[in-house]
C-alpha atoms as a PDB file:
ATOM      1  CA  MET A   1      -0.186   0.014  -0.055  1.00  0.00           C
ATOM      2  CA  LYS A   2       2.903   2.396   0.862  1.00  0.00           C
ATOM      3  CA  ASN A   3       4.515   1.726  -2.517  1.00  0.00           C
ATOM      4  CA  ILE A   4       1.445   2.561  -4.342  1.00  0.00           C
ATOM      5  CA  PHE A   5       1.093   6.012  -2.644  1.00  0.00           C
ATOM      6  CA  MET A   6       4.593   6.645  -3.517  1.00  0.00           C
ATOM      7  CA  CYS A   7       4.127   5.500  -6.953  1.00  0.00           C
ATOM      8  CA  ILE A   8       1.129   7.911  -7.610  1.00  0.00           C
ATOM      9  CA  PHE A   9       2.847  10.864  -5.840  1.00  0.00           C
ATOM     10  CA  ILE A  10       5.988  10.636  -7.891  1.00  0.00           C
ATOM     11  CA  THR A  11       3.624  10.300 -10.939  1.00  0.00           C
ATOM     12  CA  CYS A  12       1.786  13.356  -9.928  1.00  0.00           C
ATOM     13  CA  LEU A  13       5.057  15.405  -9.297  1.00  0.00           C
ATOM     14  CA  MET A  14       6.399  14.475 -12.777  1.00  0.00           C
ATOM     15  CA  LEU A  15       3.139  15.791 -14.398  1.00  0.00           C
ATOM     16  CA  VAL A  16       3.403  19.036 -12.578  1.00  0.00           C
ATOM     17  CA  LEU A  17       7.048  19.540 -13.458  1.00  0.00           C
ATOM     18  CA  VAL A  18       6.303  18.634 -17.186  1.00  0.00           C
ATOM     19  CA  SER A  19       3.380  20.979 -17.490  1.00  0.00           C
ATOM     20  CA  CYS A  20       5.355  23.921 -16.145  1.00  0.00           C
ATOM     21  CA  GLU A  21       7.885  23.300 -19.336  1.00  0.00           C
ATOM     22  CA  ASN A  22       5.043  24.136 -21.668  1.00  0.00           C
ATOM     23  CA  ASN A  23       5.365  27.788 -20.941  1.00  0.00           C
ATOM     24  CA  SER A  24       8.722  28.604 -22.859  1.00  0.00           C
ATOM     25  CA  GLY A  25       8.277  32.180 -23.517  1.00  0.00           C
ATOM     26  CA  LEU A  26       8.009  34.819 -26.368  1.00  0.00           C
ATOM     27  CA  THR A  27      10.066  36.306 -28.834  1.00  0.00           C
ATOM     28  CA  PHE A  28       9.614  39.808 -29.952  1.00  0.00           C
ATOM     29  CA  LYS A  29      11.349  40.810 -33.402  1.00  0.00           C
ATOM     30  CA  GLY A  30      11.896  43.814 -35.586  1.00  0.00           C
ATOM     31  CA  GLU A  31      13.981  45.107 -38.316  1.00  0.00           C
ATOM     32  CA  GLY A  32      14.904  48.457 -39.325  1.00  0.00           C
ATOM     33  CA  VAL A  33      17.200  49.686 -42.300  1.00  0.00           C
ATOM     34  CA  ASN A  34      20.637  49.199 -40.690  1.00  0.00           C
ATOM     35  CA  TRP A  35      19.470  47.001 -37.478  1.00  0.00           C
ATOM     36  CA  SER A  36      17.420  44.083 -36.338  1.00  0.00           C
ATOM     37  CA  GLY A  37      16.387  43.242 -32.929  1.00  0.00           C
ATOM     38  CA  GLU A  38      15.077  40.254 -30.935  1.00  0.00           C
ATOM     39  CA  LEU A  39      13.926  40.390 -27.329  1.00  0.00           C
ATOM     40  CA  ILE A  40      13.545  36.826 -25.818  1.00  0.00           C
ATOM     41  CA  THR A  41      11.503  36.156 -22.693  1.00  0.00           C
ATOM     42  CA  LYS A  42      11.616  32.935 -20.896  1.00  0.00           C
ATOM     43  CA  TYR A  43      10.091  31.674 -17.596  1.00  0.00           C
ATOM     44  CA  ASP A  44      11.576  30.121 -14.647  1.00  0.00           C
ATOM     45  CA  PHE A  45       9.591  27.722 -12.562  1.00  0.00           C
ATOM     46  CA  TRP A  46       8.003  30.454 -10.394  1.00  0.00           C
ATOM     47  CA  GLY A  47       6.622  32.037 -13.455  1.00  0.00           C
ATOM     48  CA  LYS A  48       9.161  34.924 -13.343  1.00  0.00           C
ATOM     49  CA  GLU A  49      10.311  36.406 -16.855  1.00  0.00           C
ATOM     50  CA  HIS A  50      13.824  36.433 -17.864  1.00  0.00           C
ATOM     51  CA  GLN A  51      14.716  38.603 -20.735  1.00  0.00           C
ATOM     52  CA  SER A  52      17.522  38.300 -23.282  1.00  0.00           C
ATOM     53  CA  ILE A  53      18.356  40.495 -26.276  1.00  0.00           C
ATOM     54  CA  ARG A  54      19.841  40.174 -29.535  1.00  0.00           C
ATOM     55  CA  ILE A  55      20.810  43.229 -31.745  1.00  0.00           C
ATOM     56  CA  THR A  56      22.440  42.554 -35.090  1.00  0.00           C
ATOM     57  CA  TYR A  57      23.767  45.306 -37.463  1.00  0.00           C
ATOM     58  CA  SER A  58      23.246  44.497 -41.159  1.00  0.00           C
ATOM     59  CA  GLY A  59      25.259  47.462 -42.712  1.00  0.00           C
ATOM     60  CA  GLU A  60      28.522  47.399 -43.947  1.00  0.00           C
ATOM     61  CA  ASN A  61      31.765  47.102 -41.724  1.00  0.00           C
ATOM     62  CA  PRO A  62      30.433  46.421 -38.375  1.00  0.00           C
ATOM     63  CA  GLU A  63      33.779  46.357 -36.899  1.00  0.00           C
ATOM     64  CA  GLN A  64      34.196  50.125 -37.478  1.00  0.00           C
ATOM     65  CA  LEU A  65      31.169  51.141 -35.074  1.00  0.00           C
ATOM     66  CA  ASP A  66      32.159  52.383 -31.804  1.00  0.00           C
ATOM     67  CA  ALA A  67      30.228  51.309 -28.929  1.00  0.00           C
ATOM     68  CA  LEU A  68      26.418  51.399 -29.035  1.00  0.00           C
ATOM     69  CA  ASN A  69      23.884  52.307 -26.561  1.00  0.00           C
ATOM     70  CA  PHE A  70      20.442  50.938 -26.585  1.00  0.00           C
ATOM     71  CA  PHE A  71      17.154  51.237 -24.791  1.00  0.00           C
ATOM     72  CA  VAL A  72      14.116  49.012 -24.485  1.00  0.00           C
ATOM     73  CA  GLU A  73      10.541  50.498 -23.550  1.00  0.00           C
ATOM     74  CA  SER A  74       7.128  49.038 -23.433  1.00  0.00           C
ATOM     75  CA  PRO A  75       4.056  50.255 -21.741  1.00  0.00           C
ATOM     76  CA  ASP A  76       3.761  46.746 -19.993  1.00  0.00           C
ATOM     77  CA  PHE A  77       7.299  46.691 -18.156  1.00  0.00           C
ATOM     78  CA  LEU A  78       9.584  49.476 -16.942  1.00  0.00           C
ATOM     79  CA  GLY A  79      12.075  50.177 -19.508  1.00  0.00           C
ATOM     80  CA  TRP A  80      15.769  49.504 -19.175  1.00  0.00           C
ATOM     81  CA  GLY A  81      18.876  50.076 -21.282  1.00  0.00           C
ATOM     82  CA  LEU A  82      22.744  49.259 -21.860  1.00  0.00           C
ATOM     83  CA  VAL A  83      25.320  51.618 -22.731  1.00  0.00           C
ATOM     84  CA  GLU A  84      28.806  51.185 -24.208  1.00  0.00           C
ATOM     85  CA  ARG A  85      28.349  47.582 -25.679  1.00  0.00           C
ATOM     86  CA  GLU A  86      30.403  46.165 -28.342  1.00  0.00           C
ATOM     87  CA  LEU A  87      29.359  44.158 -31.265  1.00  0.00           C
ATOM     88  CA  ASP A  88      31.220  41.005 -32.155  1.00  0.00           C
ATOM     89  CA  LYS A  89      32.980  40.499 -35.553  1.00  0.00           C
ATOM     90  CA  ASN A  90      29.610  39.617 -37.280  1.00  0.00           C
ATOM     91  CA  GLY A  91      27.775  42.543 -36.166  1.00  0.00           C
ATOM     92  CA  ILE A  92      25.926  40.845 -33.344  1.00  0.00           C
ATOM     93  CA  TYR A  93      25.346  41.704 -29.516  1.00  0.00           C
ATOM     94  CA  TYR A  94      23.889  39.125 -27.400  1.00  0.00           C
ATOM     95  CA  ASN A  95      23.183  39.231 -23.738  1.00  0.00           C
ATOM     96  CA  ASP A  96      21.445  36.030 -22.274  1.00  0.00           C
ATOM     97  CA  ASP A  97      20.002  37.553 -19.284  1.00  0.00           C
ATOM     98  CA  VAL A  98      19.541  41.317 -19.223  1.00  0.00           C
ATOM     99  CA  ASN A  99      16.378  41.789 -17.361  1.00  0.00           C
ATOM    100  CA  ARG A 100      14.144  39.866 -14.763  1.00  0.00           C
ATOM    101  CA  LEU A 101      10.451  40.596 -14.175  1.00  0.00           C
ATOM    102  CA  ASP A 102       7.666  39.390 -11.887  1.00  0.00           C
ATOM    103  CA  THR A 103       5.019  39.539 -14.512  1.00  0.00           C
ATOM    104  CA  LYS A 104       4.987  38.048 -18.025  1.00  0.00           C
ATOM    105  CA  THR A 105       4.933  40.393 -20.950  1.00  0.00           C
ATOM    106  CA  PRO A 106       1.945  40.098 -22.911  1.00  0.00           C
ATOM    107  CA  SER A 107       2.181  38.875 -26.561  1.00  0.00           C
ATOM    108  CA  SER A 108       0.215  41.889 -27.639  1.00  0.00           C
ATOM    109  CA  SER A 109       3.157  44.251 -26.428  1.00  0.00           C
ATOM    110  CA  LYS A 110       4.617  46.592 -28.893  1.00  0.00           C
ATOM    111  CA  ILE A 111       8.286  46.925 -27.450  1.00  0.00           C
ATOM    112  CA  ILE A 112      10.607  50.092 -28.880  1.00  0.00           C
ATOM    113  CA  LEU A 113      14.108  49.376 -29.211  1.00  0.00           C
ATOM    114  CA  SER A 114      16.349  52.543 -29.654  1.00  0.00           C
ATOM    115  CA  ILE A 115      19.798  52.175 -30.805  1.00  0.00           C
ATOM    116  CA  GLU A 116      22.304  54.878 -30.465  1.00  0.00           C
ATOM    117  CA  SER A 117      25.618  54.690 -32.532  1.00  0.00           C
ATOM    118  CA  GLU A 118      26.917  55.976 -35.625  1.00  0.00           C
ATOM    119  CA  ALA A 119      24.012  54.650 -37.404  1.00  0.00           C
ATOM    120  CA  SER A 120      21.219  55.260 -34.839  1.00  0.00           C
ATOM    121  CA  GLU A 121      17.871  53.787 -35.310  1.00  0.00           C
ATOM    122  CA  THR A 122      14.552  53.138 -33.592  1.00  0.00           C
ATOM    123  CA  ILE A 123      12.754  49.578 -34.191  1.00  0.00           C
ATOM    124  CA  THR A 124       9.280  48.325 -32.878  1.00  0.00           C
ATOM    125  CA  LEU A 125       9.333  44.748 -31.710  1.00  0.00           C
ATOM    126  CA  SER A 126       6.494  42.474 -32.000  1.00  0.00           C
ATOM    127  CA  SER A 127       5.617  38.757 -31.423  1.00  0.00           C
ATOM    128  CA  SER A 128       4.349  36.570 -33.947  1.00  0.00           C
ATOM    129  CA  SER A 129       2.251  34.582 -31.541  1.00  0.00           C
END
């Protein structure tokens, strides 16, 4: 009898853990003339949101760009930004964990990405889901 309850408990626990994995997050994307951006949201076990950012320069000679500043704004969360960031040799900046929120960003959010450099640009990021 004790073994049956233990098996049921373990099965229920596994089902709860597997169901939490289905909420993988959202990706907000947008493109401008010289830049494209992606804001990736993922959720931890407790439902807190972790944001990652990828910014790609599509113009010529990315190695000649000085450090860039960028800012992320949305009506659904307090904005944030990073200054004096460097692109890699392919013209990409990526940061895996730039912001954490207690709430989830809705898929209907329009996120504004402002990039300041020699080729400044403002891009609207939106979710495809």
